[in-house]
Amino acid sequence: MRLKFHCQNRIGILRDIVAQFADYRVNVARGEVGGDHGNTIYLYVPQLLNAQLATLKPALDAIPGVFGVKRVSLMPSERRHLELDALLSSLSDPVMSIDMQGRIVAANRTAVQMLGVRIDEVPGLSLDRYLEDLNLPDLIRRNNSRINGLRIKLKGDTYLADIAPLHSEKNDVASLAGAVMTLHRADRIGARIYQVQRQELRGFEAIFQSSPRLEALIHEARRMAPLDAPLLIVGETGTGKELVARACHLASPRGQAPFMVLNCAGLPESMAETELFGYAPGAFEGARPEGKLGLLELTEGGTIFLDEVGEMSPRLQTKLLRFLQDGGFRRVGSDEETYLDVRVICATQQNLPQLCAEGLFRPDLYHRLNVLSLQVPPLRECLDGIEELAAYFLDRAARQIGCPLPGLSPAALEKLAHYDWPGNVRQLENVLFQAVSLCEEKVIQPVHLRLPQSEGAPELAGIPLEGSLSDILGDVEKRILSTLYRQHPSSRQLGKRLGVSHTTIANKLKRYGIGAQDD
């Protein structure tokens, strides 16, 4: 029988209570003190009968400071133990409590199954017989702090261990009482990260298709998404290349597996290599002693998206080519081969064939990446759908800011439709978000649209900037001559207008195939 005493917190009250059971010659097996102010006493009296309690209760109630006595089903420690067991049993990861001799004190059901023993064999079991080349108590003493992601091998499987030290008093080495260790299967970490991120991932339905060019792009992407081959996405900055890549992943048979992203631009070569391929324990000075998993390993069975692949260093290009060829690679500082099943999607805003011609990108890697390809059009080529796209961004901005949805005046729409949009869709979204935040009326006017001054030269809009300076200047020159020739339809008139000889103008008109040249 378990009893709960609501009582005064005074010296000697526990002695007075227990004395009543001693006088009645009933043994008290265990006791606990609880309550917010130590004003509750629990006693476990296993041999006490209901009739005996009825006889003892008047004497217990008469003890000074005792306010009430009643039966309870569990002692506080028993309740905590049961709750902890239920909590640990609900965890899918193995969890073990160990002492400072490396022996297991307690473990959840998953850990017991992993160790392959009966649950009654767990207490006192030494981890030394399972761990390879790892003195866990010594590691806990040396760190004396939480350890995350320690790479260990246990019964032939690789795990990442999170180890939380347990202290009896102060947080010093002398008070270390053991640790709680949680194990995560290394080959499932990427899937867990992906599930956390998944609510942010969106498919083709999230890509606005107000323009025929965008509709054609999505149609092509839907056909390529299920194909298990490398995909190269080309487009200017801000066109939504990553959105297309995510949509292709979600529409593929790998859609439930991880989708990881690495931006190759701006990362030093060594950092990009360790991020992508990981490194072995002690690979270099300052490295984590347990090593590090790379994004490729975290993406096992899924898709890796390499943004700005044209910025990749020659060394990284070589390792990526090897992975694309046979699915194998070596972590930094390791001689062990790792083989994975990962689909590679890349994106770039650069002209990769030109980089290959200049010796800045490996042609064999380019052909490996270019098995499937998509060209994302810039916004200036999709302006026929800008009204619907602007309405979509206005609605999203108003929801984010928490204000009424403003309209878009015809003059403001005209301003948007005649802008070149060097930052593409991302720039349009940012401009409209700012416009909603600035607008105090119900309608957005041109004054609310803060655009760079490049919009003042619509005659030059749409000139491609690829190629050398001479190529770009040739396009500009052709555009100028074509425009002015309609107003000055002869080489002499045009030469006079531009202040150059008519012979020079005649040669240029002939070169560009403009009009009928005269002497």
Protein backbone atom coordinates (compact mmCIF):
# COMPACT_ATOMS: atom_id res chain seq x y z
CA MET A 1 0.00 0.00 0.00
CA ARG A 2 1.19 3.50 -0.83
CA LEU A 3 0.18 6.44 1.34
CA LYS A 4 0.35 10.19 0.80
CA PHE A 5 0.57 12.51 3.83
CA HIS A 6 -0.24 16.20 3.41
CA CYS A 7 1.59 17.76 6.34
CA GLN A 8 3.55 20.61 7.80
CA ASN A 9 7.24 20.87 6.90
CA ARG A 10 8.80 20.61 10.34
CA ILE A 11 11.73 18.79 11.88
CA GLY A 12 10.81 15.33 13.20
CA ILE A 13 7.44 14.94 11.49
CA LEU A 14 8.64 11.99 9.39
CA ARG A 15 9.91 10.30 12.59
CA ASP A 16 6.55 10.82 14.29
CA ILE A 17 4.68 9.30 11.34
CA VAL A 18 6.95 6.28 10.95
CA ALA A 19 6.83 5.65 14.74
CA GLN A 20 3.10 4.88 14.48
CA PHE A 21 3.80 2.05 12.01
CA ALA A 22 6.68 0.78 14.15
CA ASP A 23 4.44 0.66 17.21
CA TYR A 24 1.90 -1.31 15.16
CA ARG A 25 4.77 -3.57 14.02
CA VAL A 26 4.29 -2.83 10.28
CA ASN A 27 7.40 -2.34 8.18
CA VAL A 28 7.81 0.84 6.06
CA ALA A 29 9.82 -0.24 2.98
CA ARG A 30 10.43 3.12 1.36
CA GLY A 31 9.65 6.81 1.78
CA GLU A 32 9.87 9.99 -0.31
CA VAL A 33 9.41 13.67 0.42
CA GLY A 34 7.72 15.85 -2.17
CA GLY A 35 5.49 18.86 -2.59
CA ASP A 36 6.49 22.39 -3.53
CA HIS A 37 7.68 23.14 -0.01
CA GLY A 38 8.50 19.66 1.26
CA ASN A 39 4.98 19.43 2.67
CA THR A 40 4.12 16.00 1.26
CA ILE A 41 5.41 12.61 2.47
CA TYR A 42 4.93 9.35 0.59
CA LEU A 43 5.37 5.96 2.29
CA TYR A 44 5.43 2.52 0.72
CA VAL A 45 4.08 -0.01 3.23
CA PRO A 46 3.76 -3.27 1.24
CA GLN A 47 2.23 -5.41 4.02
CA LEU A 48 -0.34 -2.89 5.28
CA LEU A 49 -3.97 -4.01 4.93
CA ASN A 50 -7.08 -1.82 4.59
CA ALA A 51 -8.32 -2.86 8.02
CA GLN A 52 -4.98 -1.97 9.57
CA LEU A 53 -5.02 1.43 7.88
CA ALA A 54 -8.50 2.09 9.27
CA THR A 55 -7.20 1.33 12.75
CA LEU A 56 -4.05 3.46 12.36
CA LYS A 57 -5.67 6.45 10.62
CA PRO A 58 -7.02 8.19 13.80
CA ALA A 59 -3.53 8.06 15.34
CA LEU A 60 -1.93 9.37 12.12
CA ASP A 61 -4.47 12.22 11.84
CA ALA A 62 -3.73 13.18 15.46
CA ILE A 63 -0.03 13.77 14.80
CA PRO A 64 0.68 17.54 15.07
CA GLY A 65 1.16 18.97 11.57
CA VAL A 66 -0.54 16.12 9.66
CA PHE A 67 -3.48 17.54 7.67
CA GLY A 68 -4.61 14.48 5.72
CA VAL A 69 -3.77 10.89 4.79
CA LYS A 70 -4.91 9.03 1.65
CA ARG A 71 -3.96 6.12 -0.55
CA VAL A 72 -2.21 6.67 -3.89
CA SER A 73 -1.49 4.30 -6.74
CA LEU A 74 2.17 5.26 -7.31
CA MET A 75 5.08 6.84 -5.48
CA PRO A 76 6.47 9.94 -7.29
CA SER A 77 9.66 8.08 -8.28
CA GLU A 78 7.60 5.19 -9.65
CA ARG A 79 5.47 7.57 -11.72
CA ARG A 80 8.56 9.29 -13.11
CA HIS A 81 10.08 5.93 -13.95
CA LEU A 82 6.97 4.76 -15.79
CA GLU A 83 6.63 8.06 -17.65
CA LEU A 84 10.29 7.94 -18.64
CA ASP A 85 9.95 4.36 -19.83
CA ALA A 86 6.90 5.30 -21.90
CA LEU A 87 8.71 8.28 -23.38
CA LEU A 88 11.84 6.30 -24.23
CA SER A 89 9.79 3.46 -25.69
CA SER A 90 8.06 5.91 -28.03
CA LEU A 91 11.41 7.04 -29.50
CA SER A 92 12.45 5.33 -32.70
CA ASP A 93 16.14 6.01 -32.04
CA PRO A 94 18.23 3.92 -29.62
CA VAL A 95 18.74 5.75 -26.30
CA MET A 96 21.04 4.50 -23.53
CA SER A 97 22.14 5.80 -20.14
CA ILE A 98 25.71 4.81 -19.27
CA ASP A 99 27.87 5.24 -16.18
CA MET A 100 31.48 6.40 -16.00
CA GLN A 101 32.76 2.81 -16.32
CA GLY A 102 31.09 2.49 -19.71
CA ARG A 103 28.32 0.19 -18.44
CA ILE A 104 24.70 0.57 -19.53
CA VAL A 105 22.39 1.63 -16.72
CA ALA A 106 19.18 1.75 -18.75
CA ALA A 107 18.09 1.60 -22.39
CA ASN A 108 14.91 1.95 -24.40
CA ARG A 109 13.34 -0.88 -26.39
CA THR A 110 14.95 0.22 -29.69
CA ALA A 111 18.43 0.11 -28.10
CA VAL A 112 17.76 -3.33 -26.62
CA GLN A 113 16.74 -4.64 -30.05
CA MET A 114 19.83 -3.06 -31.63
CA LEU A 115 22.13 -4.74 -29.07
CA GLY A 116 20.40 -8.07 -29.56
CA VAL A 117 19.94 -8.87 -25.85
CA ARG A 118 17.04 -9.37 -23.45
CA ILE A 119 15.86 -6.31 -21.54
CA ASP A 120 16.85 -7.89 -18.21
CA GLU A 121 20.41 -8.32 -19.51
CA VAL A 122 20.90 -4.60 -20.22
CA PRO A 123 21.76 -3.18 -16.74
CA GLY A 124 25.50 -3.55 -16.22
CA LEU A 125 26.23 -4.50 -19.83
CA SER A 126 29.57 -3.03 -20.99
CA LEU A 127 29.60 -1.03 -24.22
CA ASP A 128 33.24 -1.96 -24.84
CA ARG A 129 32.13 -5.23 -26.42
CA TYR A 130 30.16 -3.31 -29.07
CA LEU A 131 32.08 -0.10 -29.78
CA GLU A 132 35.11 -0.23 -32.06
CA ASP A 133 38.20 1.73 -30.92
CA LEU A 134 36.29 4.15 -28.69
CA ASN A 135 36.74 4.71 -24.97
CA LEU A 136 33.44 6.43 -24.24
CA PRO A 137 34.04 7.34 -20.56
CA ASP A 138 37.41 8.88 -21.47
CA LEU A 139 35.78 10.89 -24.28
CA ILE A 140 33.11 12.17 -21.87
CA ARG A 141 35.77 13.24 -19.33
CA ARG A 142 37.86 15.03 -21.97
CA ASN A 143 34.94 17.01 -23.36
CA ASN A 144 32.76 17.43 -20.26
CA SER A 145 30.09 18.96 -22.50
CA ARG A 146 27.46 17.84 -24.96
CA ILE A 147 28.81 16.06 -28.05
CA ASN A 148 26.70 16.13 -31.22
CA GLY A 149 27.12 14.00 -34.31
CA LEU A 150 29.92 11.69 -33.09
CA ARG A 151 30.43 9.14 -35.84
CA ILE A 152 30.64 5.61 -34.39
CA LYS A 153 30.34 2.05 -35.61
CA LEU A 154 28.25 -0.35 -33.56
CA LYS A 155 27.57 -3.93 -34.63
CA GLY A 156 28.63 -3.13 -38.19
CA ASP A 157 26.33 -0.14 -38.67
CA THR A 158 27.33 3.54 -38.72
CA TYR A 159 25.59 5.91 -36.32
CA LEU A 160 25.80 9.56 -35.37
CA ALA A 161 25.74 9.79 -31.59
CA ASP A 162 24.51 12.70 -29.46
CA ILE A 163 26.00 12.41 -25.97
CA ALA A 164 24.74 14.51 -23.03
CA PRO A 165 26.85 14.27 -19.83
CA LEU A 166 25.17 13.74 -16.46
CA HIS A 167 26.52 15.57 -13.38
CA SER A 168 25.71 14.75 -9.77
CA GLU A 169 26.41 18.31 -8.55
CA LYS A 170 28.47 20.97 -10.31
CA ASN A 171 29.26 20.83 -14.00
CA ASP A 172 32.86 19.74 -13.45
CA VAL A 173 34.68 16.53 -14.31
CA ALA A 174 34.70 15.34 -10.69
CA SER A 175 30.90 15.32 -10.55
CA LEU A 176 30.39 13.37 -13.80
CA ALA A 177 28.01 10.50 -13.14
CA GLY A 178 27.62 9.22 -16.70
CA ALA A 179 25.88 10.26 -19.89
CA VAL A 180 22.79 9.74 -22.02
CA MET A 181 23.59 8.65 -25.57
CA THR A 182 21.13 8.89 -28.48
CA LEU A 183 22.04 7.13 -31.74
CA HIS A 184 20.88 8.18 -35.21
CA ARG A 185 21.39 5.97 -38.26
CA ALA A 186 23.77 7.90 -40.53
CA ASP A 187 21.95 6.79 -43.67
CA ARG A 188 18.65 8.26 -42.40
CA ILE A 189 19.83 11.69 -41.24
CA GLY A 190 19.29 13.27 -44.65
CA ALA A 191 15.72 11.97 -44.80
CA ARG A 192 14.97 13.52 -41.41
CA ILE A 193 16.39 16.89 -42.41
CA TYR A 194 14.32 16.72 -45.59
CA GLN A 195 11.12 16.00 -43.66
CA VAL A 196 11.75 19.11 -41.56
CA GLN A 197 12.28 21.16 -44.71
CA ARG A 198 9.52 19.49 -46.71
CA GLN A 199 6.81 21.93 -45.65
CA GLU A 200 8.82 24.63 -47.45
CA LEU A 201 9.20 22.62 -50.66
CA ARG A 202 6.76 23.34 -53.44
CA GLY A 203 6.01 21.66 -56.75
CA PHE A 204 5.09 22.84 -60.23
CA GLU A 205 1.82 24.29 -58.97
CA ALA A 206 3.82 26.94 -57.05
CA ILE A 207 5.51 28.20 -60.24
CA PHE A 208 3.52 30.99 -61.85
CA GLN A 209 2.70 30.19 -65.49
CA SER A 210 1.01 33.36 -66.70
CA SER A 211 3.17 33.54 -69.85
CA PRO A 212 3.22 31.05 -72.76
CA ARG A 213 7.03 30.88 -72.39
CA LEU A 214 6.67 29.76 -68.77
CA GLU A 215 3.92 27.29 -69.68
CA ALA A 216 6.25 25.74 -72.26
CA LEU A 217 9.06 25.55 -69.69
CA ILE A 218 6.88 23.76 -67.13
CA HIS A 219 5.60 21.38 -69.80
CA GLU A 220 9.21 20.39 -70.63
CA ALA A 221 10.16 20.17 -66.95
CA ARG A 222 7.24 17.83 -66.17
CA ARG A 223 8.41 15.46 -68.90
CA MET A 224 12.00 15.49 -67.64
CA ALA A 225 11.24 15.26 -63.90
CA PRO A 226 10.66 11.45 -63.71
CA LEU A 227 13.82 10.66 -65.72
CA ASP A 228 16.67 9.51 -63.48
CA ALA A 229 19.43 11.42 -65.27
CA PRO A 230 21.43 14.63 -64.59
CA LEU A 231 19.55 17.84 -65.37
CA LEU A 232 21.13 21.21 -66.21
CA ILE A 233 18.99 24.32 -65.66
CA VAL A 234 20.24 27.50 -67.34
CA GLY A 235 18.91 30.99 -66.69
CA GLU A 236 19.72 34.46 -65.41
CA THR A 237 19.84 35.31 -61.73
CA GLY A 238 16.42 35.57 -60.10
CA THR A 239 14.54 33.52 -62.69
CA GLY A 240 13.60 30.74 -60.24
CA LYS A 241 16.01 27.96 -61.23
CA GLU A 242 15.92 26.42 -57.74
CA LEU A 243 12.10 26.41 -57.76
CA VAL A 244 12.19 24.44 -61.00
CA ALA A 245 14.75 22.02 -59.55
CA ARG A 246 12.65 21.43 -56.41
CA ALA A 247 9.54 20.89 -58.51
CA CYS A 248 11.37 18.34 -60.69
CA HIS A 249 12.52 16.51 -57.57
CA LEU A 250 9.04 16.38 -56.03
CA ALA A 251 7.57 15.09 -59.32
CA SER A 252 10.18 12.33 -59.58
CA PRO A 253 10.21 8.84 -58.01
CA ARG A 254 12.70 10.33 -55.50
CA GLY A 255 10.13 12.88 -54.29
CA GLN A 256 9.91 11.40 -50.80
CA ALA A 257 13.71 11.30 -50.39
CA PRO A 258 15.97 14.25 -49.38
CA PHE A 259 16.57 17.32 -51.56
CA MET A 260 19.79 19.13 -50.61
CA VAL A 261 21.22 22.38 -52.00
CA LEU A 262 24.83 23.56 -52.34
CA ASN A 263 25.63 26.99 -53.82
CA CYS A 264 29.05 26.66 -55.43
CA ALA A 265 29.52 30.44 -55.78
CA GLY A 266 31.43 32.25 -53.07
CA LEU A 267 32.62 29.12 -51.23
CA PRO A 268 36.37 28.49 -50.97
CA GLU A 269 37.44 25.29 -52.70
CA SER A 270 38.24 23.44 -49.46
CA MET A 271 34.93 24.40 -47.86
CA ALA A 272 32.89 23.45 -50.92
CA GLU A 273 34.65 20.07 -51.06
CA THR A 274 33.99 19.24 -47.40
CA GLU A 275 30.39 20.45 -47.65
CA LEU A 276 29.71 18.22 -50.65
CA PHE A 277 31.82 15.15 -49.87
CA GLY A 278 32.41 15.42 -46.09
CA TYR A 279 35.66 14.54 -44.33
CA ALA A 280 37.14 11.71 -42.30
CA PRO A 281 37.97 11.97 -38.56
CA GLY A 282 41.04 14.15 -38.04
CA ALA A 283 41.29 14.98 -41.75
CA PHE A 284 42.87 18.38 -41.08
CA GLU A 285 43.69 20.75 -38.26
CA GLY A 286 40.51 22.04 -36.67
CA ALA A 287 38.38 19.21 -38.06
CA ARG A 288 35.79 17.58 -35.84
CA PRO A 289 37.27 14.44 -34.26
CA GLU A 290 34.31 12.36 -35.38
CA GLY A 291 34.48 13.59 -38.99
CA LYS A 292 31.59 15.03 -40.97
CA LEU A 293 28.99 13.71 -43.38
CA GLY A 294 28.82 15.55 -46.70
CA LEU A 295 25.63 16.65 -48.43
CA LEU A 296 25.91 13.74 -50.84
CA GLU A 297 25.65 11.19 -48.01
CA LEU A 298 22.78 13.11 -46.44
CA THR A 299 21.01 13.01 -49.81
CA GLU A 300 21.23 9.21 -50.24
CA GLY A 301 18.38 8.13 -52.53
CA GLY A 302 17.36 11.74 -53.22
CA THR A 303 18.48 14.74 -55.27
CA ILE A 304 21.41 17.13 -54.83
CA PHE A 305 21.02 20.59 -56.39
CA LEU A 306 24.30 22.31 -57.26
CA ASP A 307 23.62 26.00 -57.88
CA GLU A 308 26.09 28.10 -59.88
CA VAL A 309 27.97 24.99 -60.97
CA GLY A 310 30.03 27.15 -63.34
CA GLU A 311 31.85 28.54 -60.28
CA MET A 312 33.08 25.09 -59.23
CA SER A 313 36.86 24.72 -58.85
CA PRO A 314 38.80 22.37 -61.19
CA ARG A 315 39.49 19.92 -58.33
CA LEU A 316 35.83 19.77 -57.39
CA GLN A 317 34.87 19.36 -61.05
CA THR A 318 37.10 16.27 -61.22
CA LYS A 319 35.55 14.69 -58.11
CA LEU A 320 32.02 15.46 -59.31
CA LEU A 321 32.79 13.92 -62.72
CA ARG A 322 34.01 10.76 -61.05
CA PHE A 323 30.85 10.57 -58.93
CA LEU A 324 28.65 11.00 -62.00
CA GLN A 325 30.55 8.22 -63.77
CA ASP A 326 30.41 5.47 -61.15
CA GLY A 327 28.59 6.89 -58.10
CA GLY A 328 31.71 6.73 -55.92
CA PHE A 329 33.86 9.26 -54.09
CA ARG A 330 36.24 9.60 -51.15
CA ARG A 331 35.74 11.90 -48.21
CA VAL A 332 38.47 14.45 -47.61
CA GLY A 333 41.32 12.71 -45.76
CA SER A 334 39.93 9.22 -46.32
CA ASP A 335 41.02 6.28 -48.48
CA GLU A 336 37.66 4.54 -48.14
CA GLU A 337 35.40 4.48 -51.19
CA THR A 338 31.77 5.50 -50.66
CA TYR A 339 29.11 4.65 -53.23
CA LEU A 340 25.73 6.40 -53.28
CA ASP A 341 22.58 6.65 -55.36
CA VAL A 342 21.92 10.38 -55.80
CA ARG A 343 20.46 12.32 -58.72
CA VAL A 344 22.35 15.50 -59.65
CA ILE A 345 20.56 18.68 -60.81
CA CYS A 346 22.73 21.70 -61.61
CA ALA A 347 22.00 25.33 -62.40
CA THR A 348 24.06 28.14 -63.87
CA GLN A 349 23.67 31.62 -65.31
CA GLN A 350 26.94 31.32 -67.20
CA ASN A 351 27.66 30.12 -70.73
CA LEU A 352 29.20 26.73 -69.96
CA PRO A 353 30.21 25.93 -73.57
CA GLN A 354 32.14 29.20 -73.65
CA LEU A 355 33.78 28.38 -70.30
CA CYS A 356 34.76 25.02 -71.75
CA ALA A 357 36.32 26.75 -74.76
CA GLU A 358 38.26 29.04 -72.42
CA GLY A 359 39.52 26.08 -70.38
CA LEU A 360 37.61 27.11 -67.25
CA PHE A 361 35.17 24.19 -67.21
CA ARG A 362 35.74 20.54 -68.07
CA PRO A 363 34.02 19.62 -71.35
CA ASP A 364 33.53 16.00 -70.21
CA LEU A 365 31.78 17.22 -67.05
CA TYR A 366 29.62 19.58 -69.10
CA HIS A 367 28.44 16.72 -71.31
CA ARG A 368 27.74 14.58 -68.24
CA LEU A 369 25.63 17.34 -66.70
CA ASN A 370 23.87 18.28 -69.93
CA VAL A 371 22.03 14.98 -70.46
CA LEU A 372 18.76 16.86 -69.86
CA SER A 373 18.55 20.66 -69.97
CA LEU A 374 16.04 23.43 -69.34
CA GLN A 375 16.33 27.11 -70.29
CA VAL A 376 14.46 29.38 -67.85
CA PRO A 377 13.44 32.56 -69.71
CA PRO A 378 14.14 36.00 -68.19
CA LEU A 379 11.20 38.10 -67.04
CA ARG A 380 11.64 40.63 -69.88
CA GLU A 381 10.67 37.85 -72.31
CA CYS A 382 7.53 37.01 -70.32
CA LEU A 383 6.05 40.49 -69.85
CA ASP A 384 2.78 39.39 -71.44
CA GLY A 385 1.94 37.79 -68.11
CA ILE A 386 3.29 40.47 -65.78
CA GLU A 387 -0.16 41.74 -64.71
CA GLU A 388 -1.17 38.35 -63.28
CA LEU A 389 2.28 37.83 -61.79
CA ALA A 390 2.19 41.26 -60.13
CA ALA A 391 -1.27 40.55 -58.68
CA TYR A 392 0.05 37.30 -57.22
CA PHE A 393 3.03 39.02 -55.56
CA LEU A 394 0.85 41.88 -54.28
CA ASP A 395 -1.48 39.40 -52.61
CA ARG A 396 1.45 37.54 -51.00
CA ALA A 397 3.07 40.78 -49.82
CA ALA A 398 -0.19 42.02 -48.27
CA ARG A 399 -0.58 38.74 -46.39
CA GLN A 400 2.98 38.89 -45.09
CA ILE A 401 2.71 42.52 -44.00
CA GLY A 402 -0.82 42.09 -42.68
CA CYS A 403 -2.46 44.96 -44.56
CA PRO A 404 -5.41 45.26 -46.98
CA LEU A 405 -4.68 44.15 -50.53
CA PRO A 406 -3.91 47.25 -52.66
CA GLY A 407 -4.75 47.59 -56.31
CA LEU A 408 -2.32 48.41 -59.12
CA SER A 409 -2.95 51.58 -61.11
CA PRO A 410 -2.73 51.46 -64.94
CA ALA A 411 0.25 53.84 -64.82
CA ALA A 412 2.07 51.59 -62.34
CA LEU A 413 1.35 48.54 -64.49
CA GLU A 414 2.67 50.43 -67.52
CA LYS A 415 5.86 51.18 -65.61
CA LEU A 416 6.31 47.52 -64.72
CA ALA A 417 5.66 46.40 -68.30
CA HIS A 418 8.33 48.71 -69.76
CA TYR A 419 11.11 47.88 -67.33
CA ASP A 420 13.99 45.59 -68.32
CA TRP A 421 14.07 43.60 -65.01
CA PRO A 422 17.75 42.66 -64.74
CA GLY A 423 16.93 40.88 -61.45
CA ASN A 424 14.00 39.04 -63.04
CA VAL A 425 11.17 37.56 -60.95
CA ARG A 426 13.02 37.95 -57.66
CA GLN A 427 13.47 41.67 -58.33
CA LEU A 428 9.79 42.07 -59.24
CA GLU A 429 8.75 40.37 -56.00
CA ASN A 430 11.03 42.62 -53.92
CA VAL A 431 9.89 45.80 -55.70
CA LEU A 432 6.22 44.97 -55.13
CA PHE A 433 6.80 44.02 -51.48
CA GLN A 434 8.41 47.42 -50.94
CA ALA A 435 5.57 49.12 -52.83
CA VAL A 436 2.96 47.52 -50.57
CA SER A 437 4.88 48.64 -47.49
CA LEU A 438 5.11 52.23 -48.82
CA CYS A 439 1.55 52.55 -50.11
CA GLU A 440 -0.81 54.29 -47.68
CA GLU A 441 -3.71 54.43 -50.12
CA LYS A 442 -5.67 51.59 -51.71
CA VAL A 443 -3.91 51.77 -55.08
CA ILE A 444 -0.19 51.48 -55.89
CA GLN A 445 1.01 54.37 -58.07
CA PRO A 446 4.26 54.67 -60.08
CA VAL A 447 5.82 56.68 -57.25
CA HIS A 448 5.64 53.58 -55.04
CA LEU A 449 7.70 51.52 -57.53
CA ARG A 450 11.34 52.19 -56.76
CA LEU A 451 13.22 50.97 -59.83
CA PRO A 452 16.82 51.67 -60.91
CA GLN A 453 17.16 54.28 -63.63
CA SER A 454 18.06 51.78 -66.38
CA GLU A 455 14.39 51.82 -67.38
CA GLY A 456 14.97 55.22 -69.11
CA ALA A 457 16.40 53.61 -72.30
CA PRO A 458 13.68 51.29 -73.66
CA GLU A 459 15.30 51.33 -77.13
CA LEU A 460 18.20 49.25 -75.71
CA ALA A 461 16.04 46.84 -73.71
CA GLY A 462 16.48 43.21 -74.59
CA ILE A 463 20.01 43.46 -75.98
CA PRO A 464 21.78 40.20 -75.03
CA LEU A 465 24.89 40.74 -72.92
CA GLU A 466 26.53 37.42 -73.75
CA GLY A 467 29.80 37.39 -75.66
CA SER A 468 32.71 39.82 -75.89
CA LEU A 469 32.56 43.61 -75.67
CA SER A 470 32.78 43.90 -79.44
CA ASP A 471 29.78 41.58 -79.84
CA ILE A 472 27.72 43.62 -77.36
CA LEU A 473 28.72 46.95 -78.97
CA GLY A 474 27.86 45.50 -82.39
CA ASP A 475 24.33 44.71 -81.17
CA VAL A 476 23.96 48.23 -79.78
CA GLU A 477 25.28 49.79 -82.99
CA LYS A 478 22.91 47.74 -85.12
CA ARG A 479 19.96 48.75 -82.94
CA ILE A 480 20.88 52.46 -83.18
CA LEU A 481 21.36 52.37 -86.96
CA SER A 482 18.11 50.44 -87.48
CA THR A 483 16.18 52.96 -85.40
CA LEU A 484 17.67 56.12 -86.96
CA TYR A 485 17.63 54.81 -90.56
CA ARG A 486 13.84 55.05 -90.57
CA GLN A 487 14.16 58.80 -89.93
CA HIS A 488 17.24 59.33 -92.18
CA PRO A 489 16.85 56.77 -94.99
CA SER A 490 20.21 57.26 -96.75
CA SER A 491 23.86 56.88 -95.82
CA ARG A 492 24.49 60.59 -96.43
CA GLN A 493 21.58 61.75 -94.24
CA LEU A 494 22.45 59.25 -91.51
CA GLY A 495 26.14 60.10 -91.69
CA LYS A 496 25.33 63.78 -91.27
CA ARG A 497 23.01 62.97 -88.35
CA LEU A 498 25.71 60.95 -86.55
CA GLY A 499 28.65 63.15 -87.55
CA VAL A 500 30.59 60.52 -89.51
CA SER A 501 31.33 60.07 -93.21
CA HIS A 502 28.64 58.57 -95.42
CA THR A 503 31.15 55.89 -96.54
CA THR A 504 31.50 54.65 -92.96
CA ILE A 505 27.74 54.59 -92.56
CA ALA A 506 27.27 52.81 -95.92
CA ASN A 507 29.72 50.06 -94.88
CA LYS A 508 27.98 49.57 -91.54
CA LEU A 509 24.51 49.48 -93.15
CA LYS A 510 25.77 46.88 -95.59
CA ARG A 511 27.38 44.84 -92.77
CA TYR A 512 24.14 44.76 -90.79
CA GLY A 513 21.85 44.38 -93.83
CA ILE A 514 19.92 47.59 -93.11
CA GLY A 515 17.98 49.36 -95.90
CA ALA A 516 19.19 50.10 -99.46
CA GLN A 517 22.54 51.89 -99.34
CA ASP A 518 23.30 54.82 -101.65
CA ASP A 519 26.52 56.70 -102.43
